[in-house]
Amino acid sequence: GARPCLEALLTVEERELAQRYAARLQQARERDAATGGTKAYDAYAASNSAWHAYRDAECALRSANAPDARDPAEVLLSCKVELSRLRAAEMAR
């Protein structure tokens, strides 16, 4: 099946997300340093945590509702790749 390929793609996408996340957190720290608070950092960390929870729940739903002809594990992985790519593109803006 496509599972090994999807697992490799997800690894690449998660690495990309981690790099973009680190850059965004650094920007938030810099904003907070200028204001003397932690508001930007805390908000971005909460947003990222909520996004991961959404992605995992959405993909679990898609997997649970996979057509009989599709491997639910492949649907789950494919969904995580798709949503991770969209998040990375959003974070690149």
C-alpha atoms as a PDB file:
ATOM      1  CA  GLY A   1       0.000   0.000   0.000  1.00  0.00           C
ATOM      2  CA  ALA A   2       0.842   3.657   0.129  1.00  0.00           C
ATOM      3  CA  ARG A   3       1.417   3.705   3.879  1.00  0.00           C
ATOM      4  CA  PRO A   4       5.264   3.864   3.841  1.00  0.00           C
ATOM      5  CA  CYS A   5       5.186   6.712   1.316  1.00  0.00           C
ATOM      6  CA  LEU A   6       2.575   8.612   3.322  1.00  0.00           C
ATOM      7  CA  GLU A   7       4.567   8.115   6.528  1.00  0.00           C
ATOM      8  CA  ALA A   8       7.657   9.552   4.811  1.00  0.00           C
ATOM      9  CA  LEU A   9       5.661  12.510   3.482  1.00  0.00           C
ATOM     10  CA  LEU A  10       4.232  13.182   6.931  1.00  0.00           C
ATOM     11  CA  THR A  11       7.726  13.172   8.420  1.00  0.00           C
ATOM     12  CA  VAL A  12       8.807  15.790   5.873  1.00  0.00           C
ATOM     13  CA  GLU A  13       5.704  17.924   6.493  1.00  0.00           C
ATOM     14  CA  GLU A  14       6.081  17.721  10.270  1.00  0.00           C
ATOM     15  CA  ARG A  15       9.720  18.808   9.965  1.00  0.00           C
ATOM     16  CA  GLU A  16       8.638  21.780   7.848  1.00  0.00           C
ATOM     17  CA  LEU A  17       5.967  22.670  10.393  1.00  0.00           C
ATOM     18  CA  ALA A  18       8.483  22.488  13.240  1.00  0.00           C
ATOM     19  CA  GLN A  19      10.822  24.886  11.429  1.00  0.00           C
ATOM     20  CA  ARG A  20       8.041  27.352  10.690  1.00  0.00           C
ATOM     21  CA  TYR A  21       6.727  27.033  14.240  1.00  0.00           C
ATOM     22  CA  ALA A  22      10.176  27.781  15.688  1.00  0.00           C
ATOM     23  CA  ALA A  23      10.492  30.873  13.486  1.00  0.00           C
ATOM     24  CA  ARG A  24       7.040  32.108  14.498  1.00  0.00           C
ATOM     25  CA  LEU A  25       7.759  31.529  18.185  1.00  0.00           C
ATOM     26  CA  GLN A  26      10.972  33.524  17.839  1.00  0.00           C
ATOM     27  CA  GLN A  27       9.018  36.387  16.267  1.00  0.00           C
ATOM     28  CA  ALA A  28       6.542  36.202  19.139  1.00  0.00           C
ATOM     29  CA  ARG A  29       9.380  36.294  21.692  1.00  0.00           C
ATOM     30  CA  GLU A  30      10.806  39.372  19.967  1.00  0.00           C
ATOM     31  CA  ARG A  31       7.411  41.089  20.070  1.00  0.00           C
ATOM     32  CA  ASP A  32       7.086  40.216  23.735  1.00  0.00           C
ATOM     33  CA  ALA A  33      10.596  41.491  24.484  1.00  0.00           C
ATOM     34  CA  ALA A  34       9.589  44.842  23.022  1.00  0.00           C
ATOM     35  CA  THR A  35       6.465  44.999  25.185  1.00  0.00           C
ATOM     36  CA  GLY A  36       7.789  43.291  28.309  1.00  0.00           C
ATOM     37  CA  GLY A  37       5.107  40.604  28.307  1.00  0.00           C
ATOM     38  CA  THR A  38       4.425  37.073  27.080  1.00  0.00           C
ATOM     39  CA  LYS A  39       1.130  37.719  25.318  1.00  0.00           C
ATOM     40  CA  ALA A  40       2.298  37.015  21.735  1.00  0.00           C
ATOM     41  CA  TYR A  41       4.230  33.880  22.704  1.00  0.00           C
ATOM     42  CA  ASP A  42       1.386  32.494  24.809  1.00  0.00           C
ATOM     43  CA  ALA A  43      -1.187  33.179  22.098  1.00  0.00           C
ATOM     44  CA  TYR A  44       0.888  31.587  19.364  1.00  0.00           C
ATOM     45  CA  ALA A  45       1.704  28.514  21.473  1.00  0.00           C
ATOM     46  CA  ALA A  46      -2.005  28.069  22.309  1.00  0.00           C
ATOM     47  CA  SER A  47      -2.969  28.501  18.662  1.00  0.00           C
ATOM     48  CA  ASN A  48      -0.482  25.886  17.534  1.00  0.00           C
ATOM     49  CA  SER A  49      -1.591  23.432  20.198  1.00  0.00           C
ATOM     50  CA  ALA A  50      -5.240  23.910  19.212  1.00  0.00           C
ATOM     51  CA  TRP A  51      -4.373  23.444  15.533  1.00  0.00           C
ATOM     52  CA  HIS A  52      -2.660  20.107  16.243  1.00  0.00           C
ATOM     53  CA  ALA A  53      -5.701  18.936  18.221  1.00  0.00           C
ATOM     54  CA  TYR A  54      -7.966  19.987  15.325  1.00  0.00           C
ATOM     55  CA  ARG A  55      -5.797  18.225  12.739  1.00  0.00           C
ATOM     56  CA  ASP A  56      -5.701  15.004  14.706  1.00  0.00           C
ATOM     57  CA  ALA A  57      -9.461  15.039  15.398  1.00  0.00           C
ATOM     58  CA  GLU A  58     -10.382  15.940  11.804  1.00  0.00           C
ATOM     59  CA  CYS A  59      -8.157  13.221  10.401  1.00  0.00           C
ATOM     60  CA  ALA A  60      -9.496  10.644  12.878  1.00  0.00           C
ATOM     61  CA  LEU A  61     -12.994  11.554  11.684  1.00  0.00           C
ATOM     62  CA  ARG A  62     -12.034  11.182   8.031  1.00  0.00           C
ATOM     63  CA  SER A  63     -10.369   7.853   8.788  1.00  0.00           C
ATOM     64  CA  ALA A  64     -13.413   6.580  10.692  1.00  0.00           C
ATOM     65  CA  ASN A  65     -15.612   7.515   7.731  1.00  0.00           C
ATOM     66  CA  ALA A  66     -13.308   6.093   5.073  1.00  0.00           C
ATOM     67  CA  PRO A  67     -15.053   4.209   2.274  1.00  0.00           C
ATOM     68  CA  ASP A  68     -14.749   0.427   2.544  1.00  0.00           C
ATOM     69  CA  ALA A  69     -12.317   0.342  -0.371  1.00  0.00           C
ATOM     70  CA  ARG A  70      -9.811   2.622   1.409  1.00  0.00           C
ATOM     71  CA  ASP A  71      -7.399   1.695   4.171  1.00  0.00           C
ATOM     72  CA  PRO A  72      -8.374   3.850   7.183  1.00  0.00           C
ATOM     73  CA  ALA A  73      -4.697   4.194   8.212  1.00  0.00           C
ATOM     74  CA  GLU A  74      -3.852   5.569   4.772  1.00  0.00           C
ATOM     75  CA  VAL A  75      -6.787   7.987   4.949  1.00  0.00           C
ATOM     76  CA  LEU A  76      -5.514   9.175   8.344  1.00  0.00           C
ATOM     77  CA  LEU A  77      -1.962   9.694   7.083  1.00  0.00           C
ATOM     78  CA  SER A  78      -3.094  11.339   3.854  1.00  0.00           C
ATOM     79  CA  CYS A  79      -5.260  13.755   5.812  1.00  0.00           C
ATOM     80  CA  LYS A  80      -2.411  14.662   8.168  1.00  0.00           C
ATOM     81  CA  VAL A  81      -0.128  15.322   5.190  1.00  0.00           C
ATOM     82  CA  GLU A  82      -2.774  17.478   3.504  1.00  0.00           C
ATOM     83  CA  LEU A  83      -3.633  19.560   6.565  1.00  0.00           C
ATOM     84  CA  SER A  84       0.022  19.913   7.577  1.00  0.00           C
ATOM     85  CA  ARG A  85       0.883  21.256   4.131  1.00  0.00           C
ATOM     86  CA  LEU A  86      -1.930  23.775   4.386  1.00  0.00           C
ATOM     87  CA  ARG A  87      -0.781  24.874   7.846  1.00  0.00           C
ATOM     88  CA  ALA A  88       2.837  25.262   6.679  1.00  0.00           C
ATOM     89  CA  ALA A  89       1.687  27.387   3.748  1.00  0.00           C
ATOM     90  CA  GLU A  90      -0.450  29.484   6.091  1.00  0.00           C
ATOM     91  CA  MET A  91       2.489  29.988   8.438  1.00  0.00           C
ATOM     92  CA  ALA A  92       4.731  31.017   5.543  1.00  0.00           C
ATOM     93  CA  ARG A  93       2.580  34.113   4.903  1.00  0.00           C
END
